[in-house]
Amino acid sequence: MITIEICIGSACYVKGSNQAVTILQTLLKDKQWEDKVEIKGSFCMQSCQGGHGLGIKINGRQMLGVGLHNIQEVVEEEVLALLS
């Protein structure tokens, strides 16, 4: 099972983490990955404080530079690599 953690702290929430969850839920449904990938909320990853975008980890690996503009592409690429 691949785990995606998304920061739901106040700063990331303001930057759209709630929208990111919706985007990823749609992606998982469209790709039929619901039984292979789970999405979890997480508290502060300090990603936004460092200017690295939304706080998101995939299987514990911090993803940098992720925002609403590219979250779908970044996650899709990473999940595909992990599934292969």
N, C-alpha and C. Protein backbone atom coordinates (compact mmCIF):
# COMPACT_ATOMS: atom_id res chain seq x y z
N MET A 1 0.85 -1.17 0.00
CA MET A 1 0.00 0.00 0.00
C MET A 1 0.89 1.24 0.00
N ILE A 2 0.64 2.11 -0.94
CA ILE A 2 1.35 3.39 -1.02
C ILE A 2 0.59 4.40 -0.17
N THR A 3 1.33 5.14 0.65
CA THR A 3 0.70 6.14 1.52
C THR A 3 1.10 7.54 1.10
N ILE A 4 0.09 8.37 0.89
CA ILE A 4 0.30 9.79 0.60
C ILE A 4 -0.17 10.57 1.80
N GLU A 5 0.73 11.35 2.38
CA GLU A 5 0.38 12.21 3.51
C GLU A 5 0.34 13.65 3.02
N ILE A 6 -0.72 14.35 3.39
CA ILE A 6 -0.87 15.75 3.02
C ILE A 6 -1.05 16.56 4.29
N CYS A 7 -0.25 17.61 4.41
CA CYS A 7 -0.34 18.48 5.58
C CYS A 7 -1.70 19.18 5.59
N ILE A 8 -2.34 19.13 6.75
CA ILE A 8 -3.60 19.84 6.92
C ILE A 8 -3.46 20.96 7.95
N GLY A 9 -2.21 21.34 8.21
CA GLY A 9 -1.96 22.47 9.10
C GLY A 9 -2.49 23.76 8.50
N SER A 10 -2.57 24.79 9.31
CA SER A 10 -3.22 26.04 8.87
C SER A 10 -2.56 26.68 7.66
N ALA A 11 -1.25 26.73 7.60
CA ALA A 11 -0.58 27.38 6.46
C ALA A 11 -0.81 26.60 5.16
N CYS A 12 -0.72 25.29 5.21
CA CYS A 12 -0.95 24.49 4.00
C CYS A 12 -2.43 24.50 3.63
N TYR A 13 -3.29 24.56 4.63
CA TYR A 13 -4.72 24.64 4.34
C TYR A 13 -5.02 25.90 3.54
N VAL A 14 -4.42 27.01 3.97
CA VAL A 14 -4.61 28.27 3.25
C VAL A 14 -4.06 28.17 1.83
N LYS A 15 -2.99 27.40 1.65
CA LYS A 15 -2.39 27.24 0.32
C LYS A 15 -3.12 26.20 -0.53
N GLY A 16 -4.17 25.57 0.03
CA GLY A 16 -4.99 24.69 -0.79
C GLY A 16 -4.88 23.20 -0.51
N SER A 17 -4.40 22.81 0.66
CA SER A 17 -4.26 21.37 0.91
C SER A 17 -5.59 20.64 0.86
N ASN A 18 -6.68 21.33 1.24
CA ASN A 18 -7.99 20.68 1.14
C ASN A 18 -8.36 20.42 -0.32
N GLN A 19 -8.01 21.33 -1.22
CA GLN A 19 -8.24 21.12 -2.65
C GLN A 19 -7.33 20.01 -3.18
N ALA A 20 -6.12 19.94 -2.63
CA ALA A 20 -5.18 18.89 -3.04
C ALA A 20 -5.74 17.51 -2.73
N VAL A 21 -6.38 17.38 -1.57
CA VAL A 21 -6.99 16.10 -1.20
C VAL A 21 -8.05 15.72 -2.22
N THR A 22 -8.89 16.67 -2.59
CA THR A 22 -9.95 16.41 -3.58
C THR A 22 -9.36 16.00 -4.92
N ILE A 23 -8.32 16.70 -5.35
CA ILE A 23 -7.65 16.37 -6.62
C ILE A 23 -7.12 14.94 -6.58
N LEU A 24 -6.49 14.58 -5.47
CA LEU A 24 -5.90 13.24 -5.38
C LEU A 24 -6.96 12.15 -5.25
N GLN A 25 -8.05 12.42 -4.56
CA GLN A 25 -9.13 11.44 -4.48
C GLN A 25 -9.69 11.15 -5.87
N THR A 26 -9.83 12.19 -6.67
CA THR A 26 -10.30 12.03 -8.05
C THR A 26 -9.30 11.23 -8.87
N LEU A 27 -8.01 11.54 -8.71
CA LEU A 27 -6.96 10.81 -9.43
C LEU A 27 -7.00 9.33 -9.09
N LEU A 28 -7.09 9.00 -7.80
CA LEU A 28 -7.12 7.60 -7.38
C LEU A 28 -8.33 6.88 -7.96
N LYS A 29 -9.45 7.54 -7.99
CA LYS A 29 -10.65 6.93 -8.55
C LYS A 29 -10.50 6.73 -10.06
N ASP A 30 -10.01 7.76 -10.77
CA ASP A 30 -9.85 7.67 -12.22
C ASP A 30 -8.87 6.58 -12.64
N LYS A 31 -7.79 6.43 -11.86
CA LYS A 31 -6.76 5.43 -12.17
C LYS A 31 -7.05 4.06 -11.56
N GLN A 32 -8.13 3.98 -10.78
CA GLN A 32 -8.51 2.75 -10.08
C GLN A 32 -7.40 2.28 -9.14
N TRP A 33 -6.87 3.24 -8.39
CA TRP A 33 -5.79 2.97 -7.43
C TRP A 33 -6.30 2.97 -5.99
N GLU A 34 -7.61 3.02 -5.77
CA GLU A 34 -8.12 3.13 -4.41
C GLU A 34 -7.65 2.00 -3.49
N ASP A 35 -7.43 0.81 -4.05
CA ASP A 35 -6.98 -0.32 -3.24
C ASP A 35 -5.46 -0.40 -3.14
N LYS A 36 -4.76 0.52 -3.80
CA LYS A 36 -3.29 0.49 -3.79
C LYS A 36 -2.68 1.72 -3.12
N VAL A 37 -3.46 2.79 -3.00
CA VAL A 37 -2.94 4.06 -2.49
C VAL A 37 -3.92 4.60 -1.45
N GLU A 38 -3.38 5.05 -0.32
CA GLU A 38 -4.23 5.69 0.67
C GLU A 38 -3.74 7.12 0.92
N ILE A 39 -4.69 7.99 1.21
CA ILE A 39 -4.40 9.39 1.50
C ILE A 39 -4.66 9.62 2.97
N LYS A 40 -3.70 10.24 3.64
CA LYS A 40 -3.82 10.54 5.06
C LYS A 40 -3.54 12.01 5.29
N GLY A 41 -4.20 12.58 6.27
CA GLY A 41 -3.87 13.93 6.70
C GLY A 41 -2.70 13.87 7.66
N SER A 42 -1.94 14.93 7.69
CA SER A 42 -0.78 15.01 8.57
C SER A 42 -0.67 16.43 9.10
N PHE A 43 -0.07 16.56 10.25
CA PHE A 43 0.17 17.90 10.75
C PHE A 43 1.47 18.42 10.17
N CYS A 44 1.88 19.57 10.58
CA CYS A 44 2.96 20.34 9.95
C CYS A 44 4.19 19.51 9.58
N MET A 45 4.58 19.64 8.33
CA MET A 45 5.80 19.02 7.81
C MET A 45 6.89 20.07 7.62
N GLN A 46 6.58 21.31 7.92
CA GLN A 46 7.46 22.47 7.78
C GLN A 46 7.87 22.72 6.34
N SER A 47 7.14 22.15 5.41
CA SER A 47 7.43 22.34 3.99
C SER A 47 7.17 23.78 3.56
N CYS A 48 6.01 24.30 3.96
CA CYS A 48 5.65 25.66 3.55
C CYS A 48 6.57 26.70 4.17
N GLN A 49 7.08 26.43 5.37
CA GLN A 49 7.98 27.37 6.03
C GLN A 49 9.30 27.50 5.29
N GLY A 50 9.69 26.46 4.63
CA GLY A 50 10.93 26.48 3.85
C GLY A 50 10.71 26.92 2.42
N GLY A 51 9.47 27.30 2.08
CA GLY A 51 9.17 27.72 0.73
C GLY A 51 9.13 26.59 -0.28
N HIS A 52 8.86 25.38 0.20
CA HIS A 52 8.88 24.20 -0.67
C HIS A 52 7.50 23.79 -1.17
N GLY A 53 6.49 24.61 -0.96
CA GLY A 53 5.15 24.28 -1.43
C GLY A 53 4.34 23.56 -0.37
N LEU A 54 3.31 22.86 -0.82
CA LEU A 54 2.46 22.11 0.10
C LEU A 54 3.24 20.98 0.74
N GLY A 55 2.86 20.68 1.99
CA GLY A 55 3.47 19.55 2.68
C GLY A 55 2.87 18.26 2.17
N ILE A 56 3.67 17.47 1.47
CA ILE A 56 3.20 16.17 0.96
C ILE A 56 4.35 15.17 1.00
N LYS A 57 4.02 13.99 1.49
CA LYS A 57 4.98 12.89 1.52
C LYS A 57 4.34 11.68 0.85
N ILE A 58 5.15 10.96 0.11
CA ILE A 58 4.71 9.71 -0.51
C ILE A 58 5.63 8.61 0.02
N ASN A 59 5.02 7.67 0.74
CA ASN A 59 5.78 6.61 1.42
C ASN A 59 6.91 7.19 2.26
N GLY A 60 6.62 8.30 2.94
CA GLY A 60 7.58 8.91 3.85
C GLY A 60 8.58 9.85 3.20
N ARG A 61 8.59 9.91 1.89
CA ARG A 61 9.53 10.79 1.17
C ARG A 61 8.88 12.14 0.91
N GLN A 62 9.51 13.19 1.43
CA GLN A 62 8.99 14.56 1.26
C GLN A 62 9.13 14.98 -0.20
N MET A 63 8.02 15.46 -0.75
CA MET A 63 8.02 15.95 -2.12
C MET A 63 8.15 17.47 -2.06
N LEU A 64 9.08 18.01 -2.81
CA LEU A 64 9.32 19.46 -2.79
C LEU A 64 8.76 20.11 -4.05
N GLY A 65 8.34 21.36 -3.89
CA GLY A 65 7.87 22.13 -5.04
C GLY A 65 6.48 21.75 -5.51
N VAL A 66 5.70 21.11 -4.65
CA VAL A 66 4.37 20.66 -5.04
C VAL A 66 3.34 21.72 -4.66
N GLY A 67 2.51 22.07 -5.61
CA GLY A 67 1.41 23.00 -5.38
C GLY A 67 0.19 22.50 -6.14
N LEU A 68 -0.87 23.26 -6.06
CA LEU A 68 -2.09 22.85 -6.78
C LEU A 68 -1.87 22.76 -8.28
N HIS A 69 -0.92 23.54 -8.80
CA HIS A 69 -0.67 23.56 -10.24
C HIS A 69 -0.03 22.27 -10.76
N ASN A 70 0.62 21.49 -9.88
CA ASN A 70 1.32 20.30 -10.37
C ASN A 70 1.13 19.05 -9.52
N ILE A 71 0.28 19.10 -8.52
CA ILE A 71 0.17 17.96 -7.60
C ILE A 71 -0.27 16.69 -8.32
N GLN A 72 -1.19 16.80 -9.24
CA GLN A 72 -1.67 15.60 -9.93
C GLN A 72 -0.54 14.95 -10.72
N GLU A 73 0.21 15.73 -11.45
CA GLU A 73 1.31 15.18 -12.27
C GLU A 73 2.40 14.57 -11.40
N VAL A 74 2.78 15.28 -10.32
CA VAL A 74 3.85 14.78 -9.44
C VAL A 74 3.44 13.47 -8.79
N VAL A 75 2.24 13.42 -8.25
CA VAL A 75 1.78 12.21 -7.57
C VAL A 75 1.60 11.06 -8.56
N GLU A 76 1.02 11.34 -9.71
CA GLU A 76 0.83 10.28 -10.70
C GLU A 76 2.17 9.67 -11.11
N GLU A 77 3.15 10.50 -11.37
CA GLU A 77 4.48 10.01 -11.77
C GLU A 77 5.11 9.17 -10.65
N GLU A 78 5.02 9.66 -9.43
CA GLU A 78 5.62 8.95 -8.30
C GLU A 78 4.91 7.62 -8.03
N VAL A 79 3.60 7.62 -8.07
CA VAL A 79 2.85 6.38 -7.83
C VAL A 79 3.12 5.36 -8.93
N LEU A 80 3.14 5.79 -10.17
CA LEU A 80 3.44 4.87 -11.26
C LEU A 80 4.80 4.22 -11.07
N ALA A 81 5.78 5.00 -10.65
CA ALA A 81 7.12 4.46 -10.42
C ALA A 81 7.10 3.44 -9.28
N LEU A 82 6.34 3.72 -8.23
CA LEU A 82 6.27 2.80 -7.10
C LEU A 82 5.49 1.52 -7.43
N LEU A 83 4.54 1.62 -8.32
CA LEU A 83 3.74 0.45 -8.70
C LEU A 83 4.46 -0.46 -9.69
N SER A 84 5.47 0.08 -10.36
CA SER A 84 6.15 -0.74 -11.37
C SER A 84 7.23 -1.64 -10.78
